[in-house]
């Protein structure tokens, strides 16, 4: 009898570190959640590990909670990597087609991708953590998705490389090594979220994934099933709370409660006042106009930056699948209509499904996506490895 597949995933975020243990039966598509835990994170800033020792302590705490709840021993995990230090760069390579019959072989494809990789303009403090082919061309005939067995003389490839600042990558890896955990794979946060909520059809026609976290916002653009652009912006939903706190001259915790309870007013004009209980018998009264003005200015800034990133993407169409919003910021009432207006695209929130016993919350998209990526890698079906695996990158940082 085939055994259940167990997947352990940890989402390292600026506000929280979340972990999950999932079991999947071989004959079922449903995912049985054996454990889910979340603890505050104090060693990160804007998605980047700045205090590895503190983060290690938090990961150990999370690991112990997950092991106790799931009654399993966790030794390896799938994780995300975030932070605005992550950038995309492009490389282009060209090789002569080697076979006598002039048909492109898999060896030719491997060679041209490796050539393109070497021409990605990295600086000494950056590491390439993943690469994706964008398009191939044969004898200047562009727009080819799969050149295998096509005939020609010269094969060219353009790739998108995701690069990260080496010290932050090392800090993240050290945090898990210190917790006696092996990292199976590491995925940029927007790509993990995209795995959880985007369909192949959306990626084919053109779609934008927007992941609004606490201190960062991830953007990933797909077209013709390929990633064409990715960015992580140093601004998120906690900045909205901060601005509300300043405008209303109150504590951050109170501002967060106001944002959650009265967030829909951010996108409306109102002159009335509202009340919120901040302690037993203590009421805080505030003008809606001040709250909405502060919140709207910040959310407008976030979407202005998203709009710039969408324009950078080398897209061919008009992204008819529109914008899919996830992350904790997706819970802000009215954000879908605001996104439609600001980006001039269809927009909606998609919540991952299939995780038995888990709440339906867009803030869990990254964690769910990491699980789904782990399940893909567990499949026995043969795959063509386009580039060296994460294990090679991981070894760079081993002591």
Protein backbone atom coordinates (compact mmCIF):
# COMPACT_ATOMS: atom_id res chain seq x y z
CA UNK A 1 0.00 0.00 0.00
CA UNK A 2 1.38 3.39 -0.99
CA UNK A 3 2.20 5.70 1.88
CA UNK A 4 0.76 9.17 2.39
CA UNK A 5 2.94 12.05 1.30
CA UNK A 6 3.94 14.44 4.10
CA UNK A 7 4.85 18.05 3.32
CA UNK A 8 6.22 20.57 5.82
CA UNK A 9 6.20 24.24 4.82
CA UNK A 10 7.11 27.48 6.60
CA UNK A 11 6.15 30.97 5.43
CA UNK A 12 8.65 33.47 6.87
CA UNK A 13 6.87 36.82 6.94
CA UNK A 14 7.58 40.27 8.36
CA UNK A 15 4.71 40.06 10.85
CA UNK A 16 4.26 36.32 11.34
CA UNK A 17 6.04 33.04 10.74
CA UNK A 18 3.50 30.40 9.73
CA UNK A 19 4.01 26.67 9.51
CA UNK A 20 1.96 23.75 8.24
CA UNK A 21 2.21 19.97 8.08
CA UNK A 22 0.07 18.37 5.37
CA UNK A 23 -0.67 14.76 4.49
CA UNK A 24 -1.89 13.64 1.07
CA UNK A 25 -3.24 10.21 0.27
CA UNK A 26 -2.02 8.72 -3.04
CA UNK A 27 -5.57 8.26 -4.36
CA UNK A 28 -6.97 11.65 -3.29
CA UNK A 29 -6.55 15.27 -4.28
CA UNK A 30 -7.60 16.51 -0.85
CA UNK A 31 -4.93 17.72 1.57
CA UNK A 32 -5.29 16.77 5.22
CA UNK A 33 -3.78 19.44 7.48
CA UNK A 34 -2.14 17.68 10.42
CA UNK A 35 -0.88 20.90 12.00
CA UNK A 36 -0.97 24.64 11.50
CA UNK A 37 0.70 27.21 13.75
CA UNK A 38 1.57 30.90 13.57
CA UNK A 39 3.82 33.00 15.81
CA UNK A 40 4.89 36.67 15.67
CA UNK A 41 8.19 37.31 13.89
CA UNK A 42 10.68 39.72 15.41
CA UNK A 43 13.83 39.02 13.43
CA UNK A 44 12.61 40.31 10.07
CA UNK A 45 12.19 43.71 8.50
CA UNK A 46 10.37 44.17 5.20
CA UNK A 47 10.57 40.46 4.49
CA UNK A 48 14.32 40.18 5.13
CA UNK A 49 15.98 38.32 8.00
CA UNK A 50 18.07 40.92 9.83
CA UNK A 51 18.50 38.96 13.05
CA UNK A 52 19.18 35.26 12.24
CA UNK A 53 19.59 34.28 15.90
CA UNK A 54 16.17 35.65 16.85
CA UNK A 55 14.58 34.12 13.77
CA UNK A 56 16.16 30.76 14.62
CA UNK A 57 14.61 30.91 18.09
CA UNK A 58 11.21 31.65 16.54
CA UNK A 59 11.54 28.83 14.00
CA UNK A 60 12.44 26.37 16.78
CA UNK A 61 9.36 27.51 18.72
CA UNK A 62 7.19 27.04 15.62
CA UNK A 63 8.75 23.66 14.84
CA UNK A 64 8.05 22.39 18.36
CA UNK A 65 4.41 23.49 18.15
CA UNK A 66 3.96 21.81 14.76
CA UNK A 67 5.58 18.56 15.90
CA UNK A 68 3.42 18.42 19.00
CA UNK A 69 0.20 19.09 17.08
CA UNK A 70 0.97 16.70 14.20
CA UNK A 71 2.75 14.03 16.25
CA UNK A 72 5.53 13.95 13.63
CA UNK A 73 9.23 14.73 13.54
CA UNK A 74 10.09 17.61 11.20
CA UNK A 75 13.55 17.51 9.66
CA UNK A 76 13.06 19.21 6.28
CA UNK A 77 10.91 22.12 5.11
CA UNK A 78 9.88 24.06 2.05
CA UNK A 79 10.26 27.81 2.58
CA UNK A 80 9.71 31.16 0.90
CA UNK A 81 12.09 34.06 0.47
CA UNK A 82 10.88 37.67 0.45
CA UNK A 83 12.20 41.20 0.68
CA UNK A 84 12.71 44.00 -1.81
CA UNK A 85 16.33 42.91 -2.32
CA UNK A 86 14.90 40.35 -4.76
CA UNK A 87 15.08 41.63 -8.34
CA UNK A 88 14.70 40.23 -11.83
CA UNK A 89 17.33 40.42 -14.55
CA UNK A 90 17.42 39.14 -18.08
CA UNK A 91 19.98 37.15 -20.02
CA UNK A 92 20.17 36.18 -23.68
CA UNK A 93 22.26 33.38 -25.16
CA UNK A 94 22.86 31.94 -28.61
CA UNK A 95 24.36 28.64 -29.81
CA UNK A 96 24.76 26.81 -33.11
CA UNK A 97 22.39 23.87 -33.55
CA UNK A 98 24.64 20.85 -33.33
CA UNK A 99 22.87 18.00 -35.12
CA UNK A 100 23.60 17.22 -38.76
CA UNK A 101 19.89 17.25 -39.63
CA UNK A 102 19.67 20.76 -38.07
CA UNK A 103 16.95 19.71 -35.61
CA UNK A 104 17.12 21.27 -32.15
CA UNK A 105 18.04 18.68 -29.51
CA UNK A 106 17.57 18.81 -25.74
CA UNK A 107 21.34 19.23 -25.50
CA UNK A 108 21.09 22.39 -27.65
CA UNK A 109 18.35 23.74 -25.37
CA UNK A 110 20.44 23.03 -22.27
CA UNK A 111 23.47 24.73 -23.83
CA UNK A 112 21.61 27.89 -24.86
CA UNK A 113 19.97 28.22 -21.44
CA UNK A 114 23.35 27.86 -19.74
CA UNK A 115 24.80 30.46 -22.11
CA UNK A 116 21.95 32.86 -21.31
CA UNK A 117 22.47 32.26 -17.61
CA UNK A 118 26.14 33.23 -17.79
CA UNK A 119 25.17 36.53 -19.44
CA UNK A 120 22.82 37.64 -16.64
CA UNK A 121 24.45 40.83 -15.25
CA UNK A 122 24.91 39.96 -11.56
CA UNK A 123 27.05 41.88 -9.09
CA UNK A 124 29.36 40.08 -6.61
CA UNK A 125 26.85 40.36 -3.74
CA UNK A 126 23.97 38.73 -5.60
CA UNK A 127 22.92 35.12 -6.05
CA UNK A 128 20.63 33.79 -8.76
CA UNK A 129 17.95 31.78 -6.97
CA UNK A 130 15.85 30.77 -9.98
CA UNK A 131 15.68 31.18 -13.74
CA UNK A 132 12.86 30.88 -16.26
CA UNK A 133 13.01 30.77 -20.07
CA UNK A 134 10.87 33.53 -21.56
CA UNK A 135 11.19 32.72 -25.25
CA UNK A 136 13.33 31.01 -27.86
CA UNK A 137 14.14 32.03 -31.39
CA UNK A 138 15.54 30.05 -34.32
CA UNK A 139 17.29 31.93 -37.11
CA UNK A 140 15.66 35.17 -35.90
CA UNK A 141 12.17 33.65 -35.86
CA UNK A 142 10.99 34.81 -32.43
CA UNK A 143 8.24 33.85 -29.99
CA UNK A 144 8.95 30.10 -29.88
CA UNK A 145 7.88 28.40 -26.65
CA UNK A 146 9.37 24.94 -27.24
CA UNK A 147 12.09 24.66 -29.89
CA UNK A 148 12.69 20.89 -29.52
CA UNK A 149 12.95 19.13 -32.94
CA UNK A 150 12.46 22.38 -34.89
CA UNK A 151 14.99 22.93 -37.68
CA UNK A 152 17.48 25.76 -38.07
CA UNK A 153 21.07 26.91 -37.76
CA UNK A 154 21.15 29.20 -34.70
CA UNK A 155 19.16 28.81 -31.48
CA UNK A 156 18.68 31.77 -29.13
CA UNK A 157 17.03 31.97 -25.70
CA UNK A 158 15.97 34.79 -23.43
CA UNK A 159 15.68 34.02 -19.72
CA UNK A 160 14.39 35.79 -16.65
CA UNK A 161 16.65 35.36 -13.61
CA UNK A 162 15.47 36.02 -10.06
CA UNK A 163 18.40 37.41 -8.07
CA UNK A 164 18.75 38.08 -4.35
CA UNK A 165 21.23 39.88 -2.09
CA UNK A 166 23.60 37.16 -0.83
CA UNK A 167 23.82 38.27 2.84
CA UNK A 168 20.01 38.12 3.21
CA UNK A 169 19.89 34.71 1.56
CA UNK A 170 22.58 33.52 3.96
CA UNK A 171 20.72 34.96 6.97
CA UNK A 172 17.56 33.10 5.95
CA UNK A 173 19.37 29.79 5.42
CA UNK A 174 21.34 30.19 8.66
CA UNK A 175 18.08 30.70 10.56
CA UNK A 176 16.86 27.26 9.48
CA UNK A 177 20.22 25.55 9.88
CA UNK A 178 20.28 26.86 13.45
CA UNK A 179 16.90 25.21 14.01
CA UNK A 180 18.32 21.89 12.75
CA UNK A 181 16.14 21.96 9.65
CA UNK A 182 17.10 21.10 6.10
CA UNK A 183 15.67 23.29 3.35
CA UNK A 184 14.18 21.24 0.52
CA UNK A 185 13.42 24.25 -1.67
CA UNK A 186 13.15 28.03 -1.46
CA UNK A 187 10.63 29.99 -3.53
CA UNK A 188 10.17 33.76 -3.88
CA UNK A 189 6.98 34.71 -2.03
CA UNK A 190 4.93 35.92 -5.05
CA UNK A 191 5.66 32.69 -6.95
CA UNK A 192 4.55 30.58 -4.00
CA UNK A 193 1.30 32.55 -3.80
CA UNK A 194 0.81 32.23 -7.55
CA UNK A 195 1.14 28.46 -7.25
CA UNK A 196 -1.81 28.42 -4.85
CA UNK A 197 -4.29 30.61 -6.73
CA UNK A 198 -3.48 30.92 -10.45
CA UNK A 199 -4.64 28.45 -13.08
CA UNK A 200 -2.68 27.50 -16.22
CA UNK A 201 -5.40 29.21 -18.26
CA UNK A 202 -4.89 32.51 -16.40
CA UNK A 203 -1.13 32.29 -16.89
CA UNK A 204 -1.62 31.55 -20.58
CA UNK A 205 -3.83 34.54 -21.42
CA UNK A 206 -2.05 36.97 -19.07
CA UNK A 207 -2.51 37.69 -15.37
CA UNK A 208 -1.00 39.73 -12.54
CA UNK A 209 -0.61 38.28 -9.04
CA UNK A 210 -0.55 40.92 -6.28
CA UNK A 211 0.39 39.68 -2.81
CA UNK A 212 -0.09 42.44 -0.21
CA UNK A 213 1.75 41.44 2.94
CA UNK A 214 2.44 43.33 6.14
CA UNK A 215 5.58 45.19 5.06
CA UNK A 216 6.00 44.20 1.41
CA UNK A 217 3.88 43.73 -1.69
CA UNK A 218 4.76 41.09 -4.26
CA UNK A 219 3.92 41.40 -7.95
CA UNK A 220 4.23 38.59 -10.51
CA UNK A 221 3.17 38.88 -14.15
CA UNK A 222 2.50 35.81 -16.30
CA UNK A 223 1.74 35.51 -20.00
CA UNK A 224 1.76 32.51 -22.33
CA UNK A 225 2.24 30.39 -19.17
CA UNK A 226 5.59 32.06 -18.50
CA UNK A 227 6.70 34.41 -15.75
CA UNK A 228 7.57 37.68 -17.49
CA UNK A 229 8.16 39.96 -14.50
CA UNK A 230 8.47 39.82 -10.71
CA UNK A 231 8.99 42.48 -8.05
CA UNK A 232 8.75 42.82 -4.30
CA UNK A 233 7.92 46.35 -3.14
CA UNK A 234 9.04 47.67 0.29
CA UNK A 235 5.54 48.70 1.34
CA UNK A 236 2.55 46.76 2.65
CA UNK A 237 -0.65 46.82 4.66
CA UNK A 238 1.05 47.66 7.98
CA UNK A 239 2.03 51.02 6.48
CA UNK A 240 -1.67 51.80 6.14
CA UNK A 241 -2.12 51.14 9.87
CA UNK A 242 0.92 53.28 10.69
CA UNK A 243 -0.47 56.22 8.72
CA UNK A 244 -3.88 55.89 10.37
CA UNK A 245 -2.19 55.85 13.80
CA UNK A 246 -0.36 59.08 12.97
CA UNK A 247 -3.44 60.77 11.53
CA UNK A 248 -5.62 59.86 14.53
CA UNK A 249 -2.80 60.23 17.08
CA UNK A 250 -3.40 56.79 18.54
CA UNK A 251 -1.53 53.53 19.11
CA UNK A 252 -0.66 51.15 16.26
CA UNK A 253 -2.80 48.36 17.74
CA UNK A 254 -5.83 50.65 17.87
CA UNK A 255 -5.17 51.86 14.33
CA UNK A 256 -5.03 48.23 13.15
CA UNK A 257 -8.42 47.54 14.74
CA UNK A 258 -9.86 50.66 13.11
CA UNK A 259 -8.48 49.61 9.72
CA UNK A 260 -10.05 46.15 10.02
CA UNK A 261 -13.42 47.35 11.34
CA UNK A 262 -13.83 50.54 9.30
CA UNK A 263 -11.53 49.87 6.34
CA UNK A 264 -14.32 50.20 3.80
CA UNK A 265 -14.44 53.94 4.57
CA UNK A 266 -10.92 54.33 3.14
CA UNK A 267 -12.47 54.30 -0.31
CA UNK A 268 -15.42 56.57 0.57
CA UNK A 269 -15.97 60.19 1.52
CA UNK A 270 -17.64 60.65 4.89
CA UNK A 271 -17.79 63.46 7.44
CA UNK A 272 -19.22 61.46 10.30
CA UNK A 273 -17.46 60.20 13.40
CA UNK A 274 -17.15 56.60 14.58
CA UNK A 275 -16.39 54.92 17.89
CA UNK A 276 -14.35 51.90 18.87
CA UNK A 277 -13.86 50.28 22.26
CA UNK A 278 -10.12 50.21 23.03
CA UNK A 279 -10.44 48.84 26.56
CA UNK A 280 -13.32 47.79 28.84
CA UNK A 281 -15.36 50.95 29.36
CA UNK A 282 -12.96 53.10 27.28
CA UNK A 283 -14.22 54.44 23.95
CA UNK A 284 -12.11 56.09 21.26
CA UNK A 285 -13.98 58.49 18.96
CA UNK A 286 -12.42 59.58 15.67
CA UNK A 287 -13.39 61.39 12.45
CA UNK A 288 -13.77 59.04 9.49
CA UNK A 289 -12.39 61.72 7.14
CA UNK A 290 -8.96 61.69 8.79
CA UNK A 291 -8.78 57.89 8.78
CA UNK A 292 -9.85 57.58 5.15
CA UNK A 293 -7.51 60.32 3.93
CA UNK A 294 -4.48 58.68 5.55
CA UNK A 295 -5.42 55.18 4.44
CA UNK A 296 -6.30 56.16 0.89
CA UNK A 297 -3.02 58.02 0.36
CA UNK A 298 -1.02 54.94 1.33
CA UNK A 299 -3.07 52.40 -0.61
CA UNK A 300 -2.88 54.72 -3.65
CA UNK A 301 0.91 54.74 -3.31
CA UNK A 302 0.98 50.94 -3.21
CA UNK A 303 -1.10 50.67 -6.39
CA UNK A 304 0.91 53.36 -8.17
CA UNK A 305 4.00 51.19 -7.61
CA UNK A 306 2.14 48.07 -8.75
CA UNK A 307 1.09 49.91 -11.92
CA UNK A 308 4.73 50.79 -12.68
CA UNK A 309 5.78 47.16 -12.30
CA UNK A 310 3.02 45.97 -14.64
CA UNK A 311 4.23 48.45 -17.26
CA UNK A 312 7.79 47.09 -16.98
CA UNK A 313 6.67 43.55 -17.87
CA UNK A 314 7.40 42.69 -21.52
CA UNK A 315 3.83 41.57 -22.13
CA UNK A 316 2.35 41.06 -25.57
CA UNK A 317 -1.34 41.22 -24.71
CA UNK A 318 -3.54 43.19 -22.35
CA UNK A 319 -3.61 40.74 -19.42
CA UNK A 320 -7.26 39.69 -19.91
CA UNK A 321 -7.22 37.49 -16.77
CA UNK A 322 -6.68 40.70 -14.83
CA UNK A 323 -5.37 41.01 -11.29
CA UNK A 324 -5.59 38.38 -8.55
CA UNK A 325 -5.11 39.79 -5.05
CA UNK A 326 -3.92 37.73 -2.07
CA UNK A 327 -2.11 38.33 1.21
CA UNK A 328 -3.35 39.92 4.41
CA UNK A 329 -3.99 43.20 2.58
CA UNK A 330 -6.61 41.45 0.44
CA UNK A 331 -8.89 41.47 3.48
CA UNK A 332 -9.24 45.26 3.31
CA UNK A 333 -12.90 45.94 2.40
CA UNK A 334 -13.27 47.63 -0.97
CA UNK A 335 -9.80 46.81 -2.27
CA UNK A 336 -11.06 44.88 -5.32
CA UNK A 337 -13.07 47.80 -6.71
CA UNK A 338 -10.16 50.13 -5.98
CA UNK A 339 -7.77 47.82 -7.86
CA UNK A 340 -10.08 47.68 -10.87
CA UNK A 341 -10.20 51.46 -11.02
CA UNK A 342 -6.50 52.10 -10.43
CA UNK A 343 -5.11 49.38 -12.72
CA UNK A 344 -7.88 49.46 -15.33
CA UNK A 345 -8.02 45.66 -15.25
CA UNK A 346 -10.45 43.03 -13.96
CA UNK A 347 -9.63 42.20 -10.33
CA UNK A 348 -10.66 39.65 -7.74
CA UNK A 349 -9.54 37.86 -4.62
CA UNK A 350 -8.93 34.12 -4.96
CA UNK A 351 -8.66 31.90 -1.89
CA UNK A 352 -6.89 28.53 -2.19
CA UNK A 353 -9.08 25.46 -1.77
CA UNK A 354 -8.54 21.81 -0.90
CA UNK A 355 -6.90 22.17 2.53
CA UNK A 356 -9.21 20.26 4.89
CA UNK A 357 -9.86 21.98 8.20
CA UNK A 358 -8.17 25.29 7.28
CA UNK A 359 -9.81 28.68 7.14
CA UNK A 360 -10.35 30.29 3.77
CA UNK A 361 -8.05 33.28 4.06
CA UNK A 362 -6.04 35.01 1.29
CA UNK A 363 -3.22 35.62 3.79
CA UNK A 364 -2.45 31.89 3.65
CA UNK A 365 -1.80 31.80 -0.12
CA UNK A 366 1.99 31.72 0.24
CA UNK A 367 1.93 28.86 2.75
CA UNK A 368 -0.52 26.84 0.65
CA UNK A 369 1.54 27.49 -2.48
CA UNK A 370 4.67 26.15 -0.80
CA UNK A 371 2.80 22.93 0.01
CA UNK A 372 1.62 22.58 -3.59
CA UNK A 373 5.15 23.13 -4.89
CA UNK A 374 6.35 20.44 -2.51
CA UNK A 375 3.73 18.01 -3.79
CA UNK A 376 4.79 18.69 -7.39
CA UNK A 377 8.39 17.81 -6.60
CA UNK A 378 7.24 14.59 -4.87
CA UNK A 379 5.54 13.27 -8.00
CA UNK A 380 7.24 10.34 -9.70
CA UNK A 381 6.59 11.62 -13.21
CA UNK A 382 9.85 12.49 -15.03
CA UNK A 383 10.71 16.17 -15.36
CA UNK A 384 13.34 18.05 -17.35
CA UNK A 385 15.47 20.13 -15.03
CA UNK A 386 16.02 23.41 -16.79
CA UNK A 387 18.68 24.70 -14.44
CA UNK A 388 20.74 23.46 -11.46
CA UNK A 389 18.54 22.73 -8.45
CA UNK A 390 18.23 24.79 -5.30
CA UNK A 391 20.51 22.27 -3.55
CA UNK A 392 23.44 23.71 -5.50
CA UNK A 393 22.64 27.23 -4.28
CA UNK A 394 22.13 25.91 -0.75
CA UNK A 395 25.63 24.41 -0.70
CA UNK A 396 27.15 27.85 -1.33
CA UNK A 397 26.04 28.93 2.13
CA UNK A 398 26.91 25.78 4.08
CA UNK A 399 29.59 26.38 6.74
